[in-house]
Amino acid sequence: MNRRFRGKDKPTDVLSFPPMADFADGLAGDVAISQQIATKNAKAIGHKPKDEIKILTLHGILHLAGYDHENDDGEMAREEIRLRRKLGLPVGLIERSGKTSARKR
């Protein structure tokens, strides 16, 4: 899916797809999660696969809400941290990537 939709020839854990204009009808879009990668990540990090699925779901939903951690100077990372803490989830996807500028303002 990553190759087909993003042109990246490597597996990924989560993809977000905004709704097509003709089909939006109040829908936010779709989130695709690789259970295989989520399970592998959870094991490597030391938490349960179900928690990893929740983390990836949160990450995908934030993308559907318009956040883009690759170009937003840490805005998505800050929101992911805030919501992750509120939901009682383990360390988030952006935080553990080491590519965050999620400093507090």
N, C-alpha and C. Protein backbone atom coordinates (compact mmCIF):
# COMPACT_ATOMS: atom_id res chain seq x y z
N MET A 1 0.83 -1.19 0.00
CA MET A 1 0.00 0.00 0.00
C MET A 1 0.87 1.26 0.00
N ASN A 2 1.97 1.21 0.73
CA ASN A 2 2.84 2.37 0.79
C ASN A 2 3.42 2.69 -0.59
N ARG A 3 3.80 1.67 -1.31
CA ARG A 3 4.33 1.87 -2.67
C ARG A 3 3.23 2.39 -3.59
N ARG A 4 2.07 1.77 -3.51
CA ARG A 4 0.98 2.13 -4.41
C ARG A 4 0.48 3.56 -4.19
N PHE A 5 0.33 3.96 -2.94
CA PHE A 5 -0.30 5.25 -2.66
C PHE A 5 0.68 6.38 -2.36
N ARG A 6 1.90 6.04 -1.95
CA ARG A 6 2.87 7.09 -1.60
C ARG A 6 4.15 7.02 -2.43
N GLY A 7 4.29 5.97 -3.23
CA GLY A 7 5.47 5.83 -4.05
C GLY A 7 6.72 5.47 -3.27
N LYS A 8 6.54 4.95 -2.05
CA LYS A 8 7.67 4.56 -1.20
C LYS A 8 7.73 3.04 -1.15
N ASP A 9 8.83 2.48 -1.61
CA ASP A 9 8.96 1.04 -1.72
C ASP A 9 9.48 0.42 -0.43
N LYS A 10 8.70 0.60 0.63
CA LYS A 10 9.02 0.00 1.92
C LYS A 10 7.73 -0.11 2.72
N PRO A 11 7.65 -1.09 3.60
CA PRO A 11 6.43 -1.23 4.40
C PRO A 11 6.30 -0.09 5.39
N THR A 12 5.07 0.16 5.80
CA THR A 12 4.81 1.18 6.80
C THR A 12 3.74 0.68 7.76
N ASP A 13 3.65 1.32 8.91
CA ASP A 13 2.72 0.87 9.93
C ASP A 13 1.32 1.46 9.80
N VAL A 14 1.21 2.72 9.35
CA VAL A 14 -0.10 3.37 9.27
C VAL A 14 -0.14 4.31 8.07
N LEU A 15 -1.28 4.29 7.39
CA LEU A 15 -1.55 5.20 6.28
C LEU A 15 -2.92 5.82 6.51
N SER A 16 -3.05 7.09 6.15
CA SER A 16 -4.33 7.79 6.25
C SER A 16 -4.77 8.22 4.87
N PHE A 17 -6.06 8.08 4.61
CA PHE A 17 -6.62 8.42 3.32
C PHE A 17 -7.81 9.35 3.52
N PRO A 18 -7.68 10.61 3.16
CA PRO A 18 -8.84 11.50 3.26
C PRO A 18 -9.93 11.02 2.29
N PRO A 19 -11.18 11.35 2.56
CA PRO A 19 -12.24 10.88 1.66
C PRO A 19 -12.16 11.58 0.30
N MET A 20 -12.56 10.86 -0.72
CA MET A 20 -12.65 11.49 -2.03
C MET A 20 -13.80 12.49 -1.99
N ALA A 21 -13.65 13.60 -2.69
CA ALA A 21 -14.62 14.69 -2.63
C ALA A 21 -16.06 14.22 -2.85
N ASP A 22 -16.27 13.35 -3.81
CA ASP A 22 -17.63 12.91 -4.13
C ASP A 22 -18.23 11.98 -3.08
N PHE A 23 -17.38 11.45 -2.19
CA PHE A 23 -17.85 10.48 -1.22
C PHE A 23 -17.72 10.95 0.23
N ALA A 24 -17.29 12.18 0.44
CA ALA A 24 -17.01 12.68 1.79
C ALA A 24 -18.23 12.51 2.70
N ASP A 25 -19.34 13.11 2.38
CA ASP A 25 -20.59 12.96 3.12
C ASP A 25 -20.39 12.85 4.64
N GLY A 26 -19.57 13.73 5.20
CA GLY A 26 -19.34 13.75 6.64
C GLY A 26 -18.30 12.78 7.15
N LEU A 27 -17.66 12.03 6.26
CA LEU A 27 -16.63 11.08 6.69
C LEU A 27 -15.28 11.76 6.76
N ALA A 28 -14.49 11.37 7.74
CA ALA A 28 -13.14 11.93 7.89
C ALA A 28 -12.16 11.28 6.93
N GLY A 29 -12.39 10.03 6.58
CA GLY A 29 -11.48 9.29 5.71
C GLY A 29 -11.25 7.91 6.27
N ASP A 30 -10.17 7.29 5.83
CA ASP A 30 -9.84 5.93 6.26
C ASP A 30 -8.41 5.88 6.81
N VAL A 31 -8.21 4.97 7.74
CA VAL A 31 -6.88 4.71 8.30
C VAL A 31 -6.60 3.24 8.10
N ALA A 32 -5.46 2.94 7.48
CA ALA A 32 -5.03 1.56 7.28
C ALA A 32 -3.83 1.28 8.18
N ILE A 33 -3.92 0.22 8.96
CA ILE A 33 -2.86 -0.14 9.91
C ILE A 33 -2.38 -1.55 9.60
N SER A 34 -1.07 -1.72 9.56
CA SER A 34 -0.49 -3.04 9.38
C SER A 34 -0.41 -3.73 10.74
N GLN A 35 -1.21 -4.77 10.92
CA GLN A 35 -1.18 -5.50 12.18
C GLN A 35 0.18 -6.15 12.38
N GLN A 36 0.76 -6.63 11.30
CA GLN A 36 2.07 -7.30 11.39
C GLN A 36 3.14 -6.33 11.91
N ILE A 37 3.19 -5.13 11.35
CA ILE A 37 4.19 -4.16 11.79
C ILE A 37 3.85 -3.65 13.19
N ALA A 38 2.56 -3.46 13.47
CA ALA A 38 2.17 -3.00 14.80
C ALA A 38 2.59 -4.01 15.87
N THR A 39 2.39 -5.28 15.61
CA THR A 39 2.77 -6.32 16.56
C THR A 39 4.29 -6.34 16.75
N LYS A 40 5.02 -6.25 15.67
CA LYS A 40 6.49 -6.22 15.73
C LYS A 40 6.97 -5.01 16.53
N ASN A 41 6.40 -3.84 16.25
CA ASN A 41 6.78 -2.61 16.97
C ASN A 41 6.47 -2.73 18.46
N ALA A 42 5.29 -3.25 18.77
CA ALA A 42 4.89 -3.38 20.18
C ALA A 42 5.87 -4.27 20.93
N LYS A 43 6.24 -5.36 20.32
CA LYS A 43 7.18 -6.28 20.96
C LYS A 43 8.53 -5.60 21.18
N ALA A 44 9.01 -4.87 20.18
CA ALA A 44 10.31 -4.20 20.29
C ALA A 44 10.30 -3.10 21.35
N ILE A 45 9.16 -2.44 21.50
CA ILE A 45 9.07 -1.32 22.44
C ILE A 45 8.70 -1.80 23.84
N GLY A 46 8.01 -2.93 23.90
CA GLY A 46 7.66 -3.49 25.20
C GLY A 46 6.26 -3.16 25.69
N HIS A 47 5.34 -2.94 24.75
CA HIS A 47 3.95 -2.80 25.16
C HIS A 47 3.07 -3.73 24.34
N LYS A 48 1.80 -3.74 24.62
CA LYS A 48 0.88 -4.69 23.99
C LYS A 48 0.52 -4.24 22.57
N PRO A 49 0.32 -5.21 21.68
CA PRO A 49 -0.10 -4.86 20.32
C PRO A 49 -1.36 -4.01 20.28
N LYS A 50 -2.31 -4.26 21.18
CA LYS A 50 -3.54 -3.46 21.17
C LYS A 50 -3.23 -1.99 21.48
N ASP A 51 -2.23 -1.73 22.32
CA ASP A 51 -1.84 -0.35 22.59
C ASP A 51 -1.17 0.27 21.37
N GLU A 52 -0.38 -0.51 20.66
CA GLU A 52 0.26 -0.01 19.44
C GLU A 52 -0.79 0.33 18.39
N ILE A 53 -1.82 -0.49 18.26
CA ILE A 53 -2.91 -0.20 17.32
C ILE A 53 -3.58 1.11 17.70
N LYS A 54 -3.79 1.35 18.97
CA LYS A 54 -4.40 2.61 19.42
C LYS A 54 -3.50 3.80 19.10
N ILE A 55 -2.21 3.64 19.30
CA ILE A 55 -1.25 4.71 19.00
C ILE A 55 -1.27 5.02 17.50
N LEU A 56 -1.27 3.98 16.69
CA LEU A 56 -1.29 4.16 15.24
C LEU A 56 -2.61 4.76 14.77
N THR A 57 -3.70 4.37 15.40
CA THR A 57 -5.01 4.94 15.07
C THR A 57 -5.01 6.44 15.38
N LEU A 58 -4.52 6.81 16.54
CA LEU A 58 -4.44 8.23 16.91
C LEU A 58 -3.60 8.99 15.88
N HIS A 59 -2.46 8.43 15.53
CA HIS A 59 -1.57 9.07 14.55
C HIS A 59 -2.29 9.26 13.21
N GLY A 60 -2.97 8.23 12.76
CA GLY A 60 -3.70 8.32 11.50
C GLY A 60 -4.82 9.33 11.53
N ILE A 61 -5.54 9.39 12.63
CA ILE A 61 -6.65 10.34 12.77
C ILE A 61 -6.12 11.77 12.77
N LEU A 62 -4.98 11.99 13.42
CA LEU A 62 -4.40 13.33 13.39
C LEU A 62 -4.04 13.75 11.97
N HIS A 63 -3.55 12.81 11.17
CA HIS A 63 -3.29 13.14 9.75
C HIS A 63 -4.60 13.50 9.05
N LEU A 64 -5.67 12.77 9.32
CA LEU A 64 -6.96 13.08 8.70
C LEU A 64 -7.49 14.44 9.14
N ALA A 65 -7.08 14.87 10.34
CA ALA A 65 -7.50 16.18 10.85
C ALA A 65 -6.65 17.31 10.26
N GLY A 66 -5.68 16.96 9.42
CA GLY A 66 -4.90 17.98 8.74
C GLY A 66 -3.49 18.18 9.25
N TYR A 67 -3.08 17.43 10.25
CA TYR A 67 -1.72 17.56 10.78
C TYR A 67 -0.73 16.84 9.87
N ASP A 68 0.50 17.38 9.83
CA ASP A 68 1.55 16.78 9.01
C ASP A 68 2.89 16.95 9.72
N HIS A 69 3.33 15.94 10.44
CA HIS A 69 4.54 16.03 11.26
C HIS A 69 5.80 16.27 10.44
N GLU A 70 5.74 16.04 9.15
CA GLU A 70 6.93 16.26 8.33
C GLU A 70 7.13 17.74 8.00
N ASN A 71 6.08 18.55 8.18
CA ASN A 71 6.15 19.94 7.76
C ASN A 71 5.55 20.95 8.72
N ASP A 72 5.28 20.57 9.97
CA ASP A 72 4.53 21.50 10.83
C ASP A 72 5.27 21.99 12.07
N ASP A 73 6.58 21.88 12.08
CA ASP A 73 7.40 22.39 13.19
C ASP A 73 6.95 21.86 14.56
N GLY A 74 6.54 20.60 14.60
CA GLY A 74 6.22 19.96 15.87
C GLY A 74 4.77 20.08 16.32
N GLU A 75 3.92 20.73 15.55
CA GLU A 75 2.53 20.90 15.96
C GLU A 75 1.82 19.55 16.14
N MET A 76 1.98 18.66 15.18
CA MET A 76 1.34 17.34 15.29
C MET A 76 1.92 16.56 16.46
N ALA A 77 3.21 16.64 16.64
CA ALA A 77 3.85 15.92 17.75
C ALA A 77 3.29 16.39 19.09
N ARG A 78 3.13 17.69 19.24
CA ARG A 78 2.58 18.21 20.50
C ARG A 78 1.15 17.73 20.73
N GLU A 79 0.36 17.75 19.67
CA GLU A 79 -1.03 17.29 19.80
C GLU A 79 -1.09 15.79 20.07
N GLU A 80 -0.21 15.03 19.42
CA GLU A 80 -0.17 13.59 19.66
C GLU A 80 0.21 13.30 21.11
N ILE A 81 1.19 14.01 21.63
CA ILE A 81 1.59 13.84 23.04
C ILE A 81 0.44 14.17 23.97
N ARG A 82 -0.22 15.29 23.72
CA ARG A 82 -1.34 15.72 24.58
C ARG A 82 -2.44 14.66 24.59
N LEU A 83 -2.85 14.21 23.42
CA LEU A 83 -3.93 13.22 23.35
C LEU A 83 -3.50 11.86 23.87
N ARG A 84 -2.26 11.47 23.58
CA ARG A 84 -1.77 10.18 24.07
C ARG A 84 -1.80 10.16 25.59
N ARG A 85 -1.35 11.22 26.21
CA ARG A 85 -1.37 11.29 27.68
C ARG A 85 -2.80 11.26 28.21
N LYS A 86 -3.68 12.01 27.56
CA LYS A 86 -5.09 12.04 27.98
C LYS A 86 -5.73 10.65 27.88
N LEU A 87 -5.33 9.90 26.87
CA LEU A 87 -5.88 8.55 26.66
C LEU A 87 -5.12 7.47 27.42
N GLY A 88 -4.03 7.84 28.08
CA GLY A 88 -3.25 6.87 28.84
C GLY A 88 -2.49 5.88 27.97
N LEU A 89 -2.03 6.34 26.81
CA LEU A 89 -1.30 5.46 25.89
C LEU A 89 0.20 5.60 26.07
N PRO A 90 0.94 4.53 25.76
CA PRO A 90 2.41 4.58 25.84
C PRO A 90 2.98 5.57 24.83
N VAL A 91 4.28 5.70 24.82
CA VAL A 91 5.00 6.65 23.96
C VAL A 91 4.48 6.60 22.52
N GLY A 92 4.34 7.78 21.94
CA GLY A 92 3.74 7.91 20.62
C GLY A 92 4.70 7.69 19.47
N LEU A 93 4.12 7.59 18.31
CA LEU A 93 4.86 7.29 17.09
C LEU A 93 5.88 8.36 16.75
N ILE A 94 5.49 9.62 16.80
CA ILE A 94 6.42 10.69 16.46
C ILE A 94 7.55 10.77 17.48
N GLU A 95 7.20 10.66 18.76
CA GLU A 95 8.21 10.75 19.82
C GLU A 95 9.31 9.72 19.65
N ARG A 96 8.92 8.49 19.38
CA ARG A 96 9.92 7.44 19.32
C ARG A 96 10.69 7.42 18.00
N SER A 97 10.22 8.18 17.02
CA SER A 97 10.95 8.24 15.76
C SER A 97 12.21 9.08 15.90
N GLY A 98 12.24 9.91 16.95
CA GLY A 98 13.39 10.78 17.15
C GLY A 98 13.40 11.96 16.19
N LYS A 99 12.35 12.12 15.41
CA LYS A 99 12.27 13.20 14.44
C LYS A 99 11.25 14.24 14.89
N THR A 100 11.22 14.52 16.16
CA THR A 100 10.23 15.44 16.67
C THR A 100 10.84 16.74 17.14
N SER A 101 10.09 17.77 16.93
CA SER A 101 10.42 19.05 17.55
C SER A 101 9.25 19.40 18.44
N ALA A 102 8.84 18.41 19.25
CA ALA A 102 7.65 18.52 20.08
C ALA A 102 7.91 19.25 21.37
N ARG A 103 8.59 20.35 21.27
CA ARG A 103 8.86 21.12 22.47
C ARG A 103 7.61 21.88 22.88
N LYS A 104 7.48 22.14 24.16
CA LYS A 104 6.32 22.87 24.66
C LYS A 104 6.49 24.35 24.38
N ARG A 105 5.40 24.98 24.03
CA ARG A 105 5.41 26.43 23.79
C ARG A 105 4.99 27.16 25.03
